[in-house]
C-alpha atoms as a PDB file:
ATOM      1  CA  MET A   1     -17.065  -7.542 -21.921  1.00  0.00           C
ATOM      2  CA  ARG A   2     -18.401  -4.672 -19.814  1.00  0.00           C
ATOM      3  CA  THR A   3     -16.191  -1.613 -19.421  1.00  0.00           C
ATOM      4  CA  SER A   4     -16.171  -1.980 -15.615  1.00  0.00           C
ATOM      5  CA  ASN A   5     -14.943  -5.573 -15.886  1.00  0.00           C
ATOM      6  CA  LEU A   6     -12.237  -4.565 -18.358  1.00  0.00           C
ATOM      7  CA  ILE A   7     -11.051  -1.806 -16.014  1.00  0.00           C
ATOM      8  CA  GLN A   8     -10.979  -4.278 -13.132  1.00  0.00           C
ATOM      9  CA  ILE A   9      -8.898  -6.755 -15.134  1.00  0.00           C
ATOM     10  CA  LEU A  10      -6.465  -4.055 -16.245  1.00  0.00           C
ATOM     11  CA  PHE A  11      -6.133  -2.859 -12.652  1.00  0.00           C
ATOM     12  CA  LEU A  12      -5.449  -6.381 -11.379  1.00  0.00           C
ATOM     13  CA  LEU A  13      -2.848  -6.942 -14.084  1.00  0.00           C
ATOM     14  CA  SER A  14      -1.198  -3.610 -13.269  1.00  0.00           C
ATOM     15  CA  VAL A  15      -0.947  -4.468  -9.575  1.00  0.00           C
ATOM     16  CA  ALA A  16       0.356  -7.956 -10.390  1.00  0.00           C
ATOM     17  CA  ALA A  17       3.002  -6.532 -12.734  1.00  0.00           C
ATOM     18  CA  PHE A  18       4.051  -3.922 -10.196  1.00  0.00           C
ATOM     19  CA  THR A  19       4.252  -6.540  -7.434  1.00  0.00           C
ATOM     20  CA  LEU A  20       6.583  -8.653  -9.569  1.00  0.00           C
ATOM     21  CA  LEU A  21       8.669  -5.562 -10.295  1.00  0.00           C
ATOM     22  CA  MET A  22       8.871  -4.771  -6.584  1.00  0.00           C
ATOM     23  CA  LEU A  23       9.911  -8.347  -5.882  1.00  0.00           C
ATOM     24  CA  THR A  24      12.917  -7.887  -8.149  1.00  0.00           C
ATOM     25  CA  LYS A  25      13.720  -4.684  -6.228  1.00  0.00           C
ATOM     26  CA  VAL A  26      13.325  -6.245  -2.774  1.00  0.00           C
ATOM     27  CA  VAL A  27      15.366  -9.425  -3.311  1.00  0.00           C
ATOM     28  CA  PRO A  28      18.748  -7.624  -3.662  1.00  0.00           C
ATOM     29  CA  TYR A  29      18.213  -5.976  -0.264  1.00  0.00           C
ATOM     30  CA  LEU A  30      18.078  -9.405   1.362  1.00  0.00           C
ATOM     31  CA  SER A  31      21.841  -9.641   0.903  1.00  0.00           C
ATOM     32  CA  PHE A  32      21.939  -7.072   3.751  1.00  0.00           C
ATOM     33  CA  GLU A  33      24.572  -5.050   1.915  1.00  0.00           C
ATOM     34  CA  PRO A  34      24.355  -1.236   2.353  1.00  0.00           C
ATOM     35  CA  GLU A  35      25.426  -0.298  -1.195  1.00  0.00           C
ATOM     36  CA  ILE A  36      22.046  -1.014  -2.787  1.00  0.00           C
ATOM     37  CA  ASP A  37      19.705   1.532  -4.404  1.00  0.00           C
ATOM     38  CA  PHE A  38      17.662   3.295  -1.678  1.00  0.00           C
ATOM     39  CA  LEU A  39      20.194   2.546   1.065  1.00  0.00           C
ATOM     40  CA  THR A  40      22.860   4.549  -0.756  1.00  0.00           C
ATOM     41  CA  THR A  41      20.848   7.712   0.006  1.00  0.00           C
ATOM     42  CA  LYS A  42      21.335   7.218   3.751  1.00  0.00           C
ATOM     43  CA  THR A  43      24.278   8.317   5.854  1.00  0.00           C
ATOM     44  CA  ASP A  44      26.541   5.815   7.583  1.00  0.00           C
ATOM     45  CA  ARG A  45      25.132   6.967  10.917  1.00  0.00           C
ATOM     46  CA  VAL A  46      21.598   6.019   9.862  1.00  0.00           C
ATOM     47  CA  LEU A  47      22.627   2.760   8.186  1.00  0.00           C
ATOM     48  CA  THR A  48      24.338   1.511  11.336  1.00  0.00           C
ATOM     49  CA  ARG A  49      21.351   2.177  13.594  1.00  0.00           C
ATOM     50  CA  GLN A  50      19.666  -1.075  14.587  1.00  0.00           C
ATOM     51  CA  ASP A  51      16.205   0.494  14.744  1.00  0.00           C
ATOM     52  CA  PHE A  52      16.549   1.673  11.129  1.00  0.00           C
ATOM     53  CA  GLN A  53      17.794  -1.736   9.947  1.00  0.00           C
ATOM     54  CA  PHE A  54      15.018  -3.571  11.786  1.00  0.00           C
ATOM     55  CA  SER A  55      12.299  -1.243  10.465  1.00  0.00           C
ATOM     56  CA  PHE A  56      13.642  -1.263   6.914  1.00  0.00           C
ATOM     57  CA  TYR A  57      13.814  -5.025   6.403  1.00  0.00           C
ATOM     58  CA  ILE A  58      10.516  -5.684   8.159  1.00  0.00           C
ATOM     59  CA  HIS A  59       8.848  -2.978   6.079  1.00  0.00           C
ATOM     60  CA  ILE A  60      10.022  -3.991   2.609  1.00  0.00           C
ATOM     61  CA  VAL A  61       9.018  -7.624   3.115  1.00  0.00           C
ATOM     62  CA  SER A  62       5.697  -7.103   4.911  1.00  0.00           C
ATOM     63  CA  SER A  63       4.595  -4.326   2.541  1.00  0.00           C
ATOM     64  CA  LEU A  64       5.227  -6.541  -0.466  1.00  0.00           C
ATOM     65  CA  TRP A  65       3.160  -9.440   0.782  1.00  0.00           C
ATOM     66  CA  THR A  66       0.304  -7.191   1.948  1.00  0.00           C
ATOM     67  CA  MET A  67       0.153  -5.856  -1.602  1.00  0.00           C
ATOM     68  CA  CYS A  68      -0.010  -9.424  -2.942  1.00  0.00           C
ATOM     69  CA  ILE A  69      -2.588 -10.586  -0.406  1.00  0.00           C
ATOM     70  CA  GLY A  70      -4.715  -7.457  -0.532  1.00  0.00           C
ATOM     71  CA  ILE A  71      -5.633  -7.679  -4.191  1.00  0.00           C
ATOM     72  CA  THR A  72      -7.218 -11.116  -3.687  1.00  0.00           C
ATOM     73  CA  GLN A  73      -9.725  -9.625  -1.249  1.00  0.00           C
ATOM     74  CA  PHE A  74     -11.442  -7.682  -4.035  1.00  0.00           C
ATOM     75  CA  ILE A  75     -11.907 -10.492  -6.562  1.00  0.00           C
ATOM     76  CA  PRO A  76     -15.522 -11.712  -6.101  1.00  0.00           C
ATOM     77  CA  SER A  77     -14.957 -15.040  -7.887  1.00  0.00           C
ATOM     78  CA  PHE A  78     -12.008 -15.832  -5.599  1.00  0.00           C
ATOM     79  CA  VAL A  79     -13.862 -14.806  -2.442  1.00  0.00           C
ATOM     80  CA  LYS A  80     -16.926 -16.901  -3.342  1.00  0.00           C
ATOM     81  CA  LYS A  81     -14.972 -19.977  -4.422  1.00  0.00           C
ATOM     82  CA  TYR A  82     -12.490 -19.960  -1.532  1.00  0.00           C
ATOM     83  CA  PRO A  83     -14.255 -18.286   1.424  1.00  0.00           C
ATOM     84  CA  ASN A  84     -12.035 -19.868   4.077  1.00  0.00           C
ATOM     85  CA  LEU A  85      -8.865 -18.891   2.238  1.00  0.00           C
ATOM     86  CA  HIS A  86     -10.285 -15.385   1.827  1.00  0.00           C
ATOM     87  CA  LYS A  87     -10.748 -15.131   5.600  1.00  0.00           C
ATOM     88  CA  THR A  88      -7.282 -16.496   6.321  1.00  0.00           C
ATOM     89  CA  LEU A  89      -5.593 -14.148   3.863  1.00  0.00           C
ATOM     90  CA  GLY A  90      -7.652 -11.276   5.232  1.00  0.00           C
ATOM     91  CA  LYS A  91      -6.412 -11.987   8.756  1.00  0.00           C
ATOM     92  CA  ILE A  92      -2.816 -12.155   7.507  1.00  0.00           C
ATOM     93  CA  TYR A  93      -3.307  -8.851   5.669  1.00  0.00           C
ATOM     94  CA  VAL A  94      -4.677  -7.133   8.771  1.00  0.00           C
ATOM     95  CA  PHE A  95      -2.054  -8.610  11.107  1.00  0.00           C
ATOM     96  CA  SER A  96       0.764  -7.689   8.726  1.00  0.00           C
ATOM     97  CA  ILE A  97      -0.281  -4.048   8.536  1.00  0.00           C
ATOM     98  CA  LEU A  98      -1.200  -3.539  12.197  1.00  0.00           C
ATOM     99  CA  PHE A  99       1.866  -5.225  13.656  1.00  0.00           C
ATOM    100  CA  LEU A 100       4.518  -5.133  10.927  1.00  0.00           C
ATOM    101  CA  ALA A 101       4.162  -2.864   7.892  1.00  0.00           C
ATOM    102  CA  ALA A 102       2.625   0.268   9.438  1.00  0.00           C
ATOM    103  CA  PRO A 103       4.729   0.307  12.651  1.00  0.00           C
ATOM    104  CA  SER A 104       7.945  -0.358  10.719  1.00  0.00           C
ATOM    105  CA  GLY A 105       6.990   2.352   8.229  1.00  0.00           C
ATOM    106  CA  LEU A 106       6.574   4.754  11.126  1.00  0.00           C
ATOM    107  CA  GLY A 107      10.024   3.737  12.322  1.00  0.00           C
ATOM    108  CA  LEU A 108      11.440   4.575   8.895  1.00  0.00           C
ATOM    109  CA  ALA A 109       9.568   7.879   8.618  1.00  0.00           C
ATOM    110  CA  ILE A 110      11.804   9.580  11.175  1.00  0.00           C
ATOM    111  CA  TYR A 111      14.771   8.906   8.875  1.00  0.00           C
ATOM    112  CA  ALA A 112      13.028  10.062   5.681  1.00  0.00           C
ATOM    113  CA  ASN A 113      14.970  12.236   3.264  1.00  0.00           C
ATOM    114  CA  GLY A 114      13.433  15.621   2.494  1.00  0.00           C
ATOM    115  CA  GLY A 115      13.204  17.102   5.971  1.00  0.00           C
ATOM    116  CA  LEU A 116      10.094  17.701   8.070  1.00  0.00           C
ATOM    117  CA  PRO A 117       7.519  17.695   5.211  1.00  0.00           C
ATOM    118  CA  ALA A 118       8.598  14.184   4.168  1.00  0.00           C
ATOM    119  CA  LYS A 119       8.807  12.901   7.743  1.00  0.00           C
ATOM    120  CA  VAL A 120       5.309  14.182   8.520  1.00  0.00           C
ATOM    121  CA  GLY A 121       3.919  12.869   5.224  1.00  0.00           C
ATOM    122  CA  PHE A 122       5.226   9.340   5.704  1.00  0.00           C
ATOM    123  CA  SER A 123       4.266   9.324   9.391  1.00  0.00           C
ATOM    124  CA  LEU A 124       0.680  10.328   8.647  1.00  0.00           C
ATOM    125  CA  GLN A 125       0.524   7.748   5.877  1.00  0.00           C
ATOM    126  CA  CYS A 126       1.414   4.989   8.340  1.00  0.00           C
ATOM    127  CA  VAL A 127      -1.091   6.235  10.921  1.00  0.00           C
ATOM    128  CA  VAL A 128      -3.886   6.386   8.325  1.00  0.00           C
ATOM    129  CA  TRP A 129      -2.864   2.950   7.007  1.00  0.00           C
ATOM    130  CA  TRP A 130      -3.099   1.487  10.496  1.00  0.00           C
ATOM    131  CA  LEU A 131      -6.425   3.154  11.290  1.00  0.00           C
ATOM    132  CA  THR A 132      -8.196   2.265   8.039  1.00  0.00           C
ATOM    133  CA  THR A 133      -7.104  -1.357   8.406  1.00  0.00           C
ATOM    134  CA  TRP A 134      -8.163  -1.527  12.039  1.00  0.00           C
ATOM    135  CA  VAL A 135     -11.603  -0.072  11.259  1.00  0.00           C
ATOM    136  CA  ALA A 136     -12.012  -2.566   8.388  1.00  0.00           C
ATOM    137  CA  TRP A 137     -11.260  -5.388  10.849  1.00  0.00           C
ATOM    138  CA  ARG A 138     -13.656  -3.980  13.449  1.00  0.00           C
ATOM    139  CA  GLU A 139     -16.455  -3.694  10.893  1.00  0.00           C
ATOM    140  CA  ILE A 140     -16.172  -7.316   9.755  1.00  0.00           C
ATOM    141  CA  GLN A 141     -16.249  -8.445  13.383  1.00  0.00           C
ATOM    142  CA  LYS A 142     -19.588  -6.656  13.673  1.00  0.00           C
ATOM    143  CA  LYS A 143     -20.715  -8.222  10.369  1.00  0.00           C
ATOM    144  CA  ARG A 144     -21.156  -4.846   8.703  1.00  0.00           C
ATOM    145  CA  TRP A 145     -20.290  -6.115   5.257  1.00  0.00           C
ATOM    146  CA  GLN A 146     -20.577  -2.960   3.168  1.00  0.00           C
ATOM    147  CA  THR A 147     -18.683  -0.686   5.549  1.00  0.00           C
ATOM    148  CA  HIS A 148     -16.064  -3.428   5.887  1.00  0.00           C
ATOM    149  CA  ILE A 149     -15.567  -3.355   2.116  1.00  0.00           C
ATOM    150  CA  GLU A 150     -15.383   0.443   2.132  1.00  0.00           C
ATOM    151  CA  TRP A 151     -12.678   0.507   4.804  1.00  0.00           C
ATOM    152  CA  MET A 152     -10.771  -2.288   3.115  1.00  0.00           C
ATOM    153  CA  LEU A 153     -10.790  -0.220  -0.066  1.00  0.00           C
ATOM    154  CA  ARG A 154      -9.339   2.701   1.891  1.00  0.00           C
ATOM    155  CA  SER A 155      -6.743   0.464   3.521  1.00  0.00           C
ATOM    156  CA  TYR A 156      -5.655  -1.019   0.211  1.00  0.00           C
ATOM    157  CA  ALA A 157      -5.507   2.455  -1.326  1.00  0.00           C
ATOM    158  CA  VAL A 158      -2.806   3.301   1.218  1.00  0.00           C
ATOM    159  CA  THR A 159      -1.142  -0.075   0.625  1.00  0.00           C
ATOM    160  CA  LEU A 160      -0.807   0.890  -3.038  1.00  0.00           C
ATOM    161  CA  ALA A 161       0.918   4.165  -2.137  1.00  0.00           C
ATOM    162  CA  ALA A 162       4.233   2.477  -2.968  1.00  0.00           C
ATOM    163  CA  MET A 163       2.980   1.920  -6.500  1.00  0.00           C
ATOM    164  CA  SER A 164       1.599   5.458  -6.835  1.00  0.00           C
ATOM    165  CA  LEU A 165       4.818   6.954  -5.457  1.00  0.00           C
ATOM    166  CA  ARG A 166       6.919   5.377  -8.184  1.00  0.00           C
ATOM    167  CA  VAL A 167       4.464   5.987 -11.013  1.00  0.00           C
ATOM    168  CA  GLY A 168       3.968   9.563  -9.841  1.00  0.00           C
ATOM    169  CA  SER A 169       7.714  10.171  -9.654  1.00  0.00           C
ATOM    170  CA  TYR A 170       8.271   9.044 -13.233  1.00  0.00           C
ATOM    171  CA  ALA A 171       5.250  11.011 -14.461  1.00  0.00           C
ATOM    172  CA  MET A 172       6.317  14.263 -12.779  1.00  0.00           C
ATOM    173  CA  VAL A 173       9.846  14.081 -14.144  1.00  0.00           C
ATOM    174  CA  TYR A 174       8.725  13.056 -17.643  1.00  0.00           C
ATOM    175  CA  PHE A 175       5.827  15.488 -18.076  1.00  0.00           C
ATOM    176  CA  PHE A 176       6.746  18.416 -15.818  1.00  0.00           C
ATOM    177  CA  HIS A 177      10.546  18.110 -15.605  1.00  0.00           C
ATOM    178  CA  THR A 178      10.472  18.667 -11.850  1.00  0.00           C
ATOM    179  CA  LYS A 179      13.601  18.746  -9.727  1.00  0.00           C
ATOM    180  CA  PRO A 180      14.362  15.688  -7.550  1.00  0.00           C
ATOM    181  CA  ILE A 181      13.395  17.329  -4.242  1.00  0.00           C
ATOM    182  CA  GLU A 182      10.189  18.782  -5.746  1.00  0.00           C
ATOM    183  CA  THR A 183       9.259  15.382  -7.109  1.00  0.00           C
ATOM    184  CA  TYR A 184      10.044  13.572  -3.878  1.00  0.00           C
ATOM    185  CA  LEU A 185       8.118  15.897  -1.570  1.00  0.00           C
ATOM    186  CA  THR A 186       5.111  15.982  -3.896  1.00  0.00           C
ATOM    187  CA  VAL A 187       4.775  12.213  -4.287  1.00  0.00           C
ATOM    188  CA  THR A 188       5.408  11.706  -0.564  1.00  0.00           C
ATOM    189  CA  TRP A 189       1.956  13.182   0.020  1.00  0.00           C
ATOM    190  CA  LEU A 190       0.209  12.636  -3.307  1.00  0.00           C
ATOM    191  CA  SER A 191       0.932   8.894  -3.374  1.00  0.00           C
ATOM    192  CA  TRP A 192      -1.430   8.137  -0.491  1.00  0.00           C
ATOM    193  CA  VAL A 193      -3.674  11.201  -0.286  1.00  0.00           C
ATOM    194  CA  GLY A 194      -4.352  10.959  -4.016  1.00  0.00           C
ATOM    195  CA  ASN A 195      -5.179   7.263  -3.713  1.00  0.00           C
ATOM    196  CA  LEU A 196      -7.630   7.962  -0.894  1.00  0.00           C
ATOM    197  CA  VAL A 197      -9.340  10.712  -2.896  1.00  0.00           C
ATOM    198  CA  ILE A 198      -9.774   8.321  -5.830  1.00  0.00           C
ATOM    199  CA  VAL A 199     -11.153   5.580  -3.585  1.00  0.00           C
ATOM    200  CA  GLU A 200     -13.588   7.968  -1.908  1.00  0.00           C
ATOM    201  CA  GLY A 201     -14.848   8.857  -5.361  1.00  0.00           C
ATOM    202  CA  LEU A 202     -15.283   5.176  -6.220  1.00  0.00           C
ATOM    203  CA  ILE A 203     -17.112   4.506  -2.952  1.00  0.00           C
ATOM    204  CA  TYR A 204     -19.369   7.499  -3.580  1.00  0.00           C
ATOM    205  CA  ALA A 205     -20.067   6.092  -7.061  1.00  0.00           C
ATOM    206  CA  GLY A 206     -21.252   2.816  -5.506  1.00  0.00           C
ATOM    207  CA  MET A 207     -18.230   0.538  -5.891  1.00  0.00           C
ATOM    208  CA  SER A 208     -18.627  -1.071  -2.460  1.00  0.00           C
ATOM    209  CA  GLU A 209     -22.311  -1.752  -3.111  1.00  0.00           C
ATOM    210  CA  ARG A 210     -21.540  -3.417  -6.439  1.00  0.00           C
ATOM    211  CA  LEU A 211     -18.835  -5.586  -4.879  1.00  0.00           C
ATOM    212  CA  LEU A 212     -21.213  -6.674  -2.127  1.00  0.00           C
ATOM    213  CA  LYS A 213     -23.940  -7.568  -4.643  1.00  0.00           C
ATOM    214  CA  LYS A 214     -21.483  -9.712  -6.616  1.00  0.00           C
ATOM    215  CA  LEU A 215     -20.513 -11.547  -3.437  1.00  0.00           C
ATOM    216  CA  GLN A 216     -24.142 -12.176  -2.519  1.00  0.00           C
ATOM    217  CA  LYS A 217     -25.184 -13.603  -5.913  1.00  0.00           C
END
């Protein structure tokens, strides 16, 4: 097995495992009780605001399924075998981010813990998420296959910020013994900016070209 294929398989398994983990985290919130994990960090004033409640529940559900759907878009064998399903899932992915996940994330950003740096970080993340997804959609409408793949890679990099945020938090505490606020503010930015830097490196190394060639075989 080629090293690139092994890395791809390990990445897919990691995303699948994380998605299942997130599912176990999301389900308890659907009881709509305020004494659960993340919600316990919010004040009663915030918890009782309808805009916060609406944004929160829309965001946790839509973000989870975009993570699930998004990974299928980069599996050449799946795309080639089920082209119509690929298109349908792609439309759901785009719709979910443009109209649900990114806007609701922006609604949550104004209530972010950590002050202005965190609010700005999460707000910019949602704006970049929306824009990269919209450009990916525009490119496929113009049948620009390679640039479509490149922008989808950028979009999914931001989608995976939730995964990077949690992994980064554990890593910073374990290896650098950072304080909670230092950890939080760092991963607020690093989770999505870091992902985009990695993806730009992969695109520069020819990842989008290789994916396109596999799809055209």
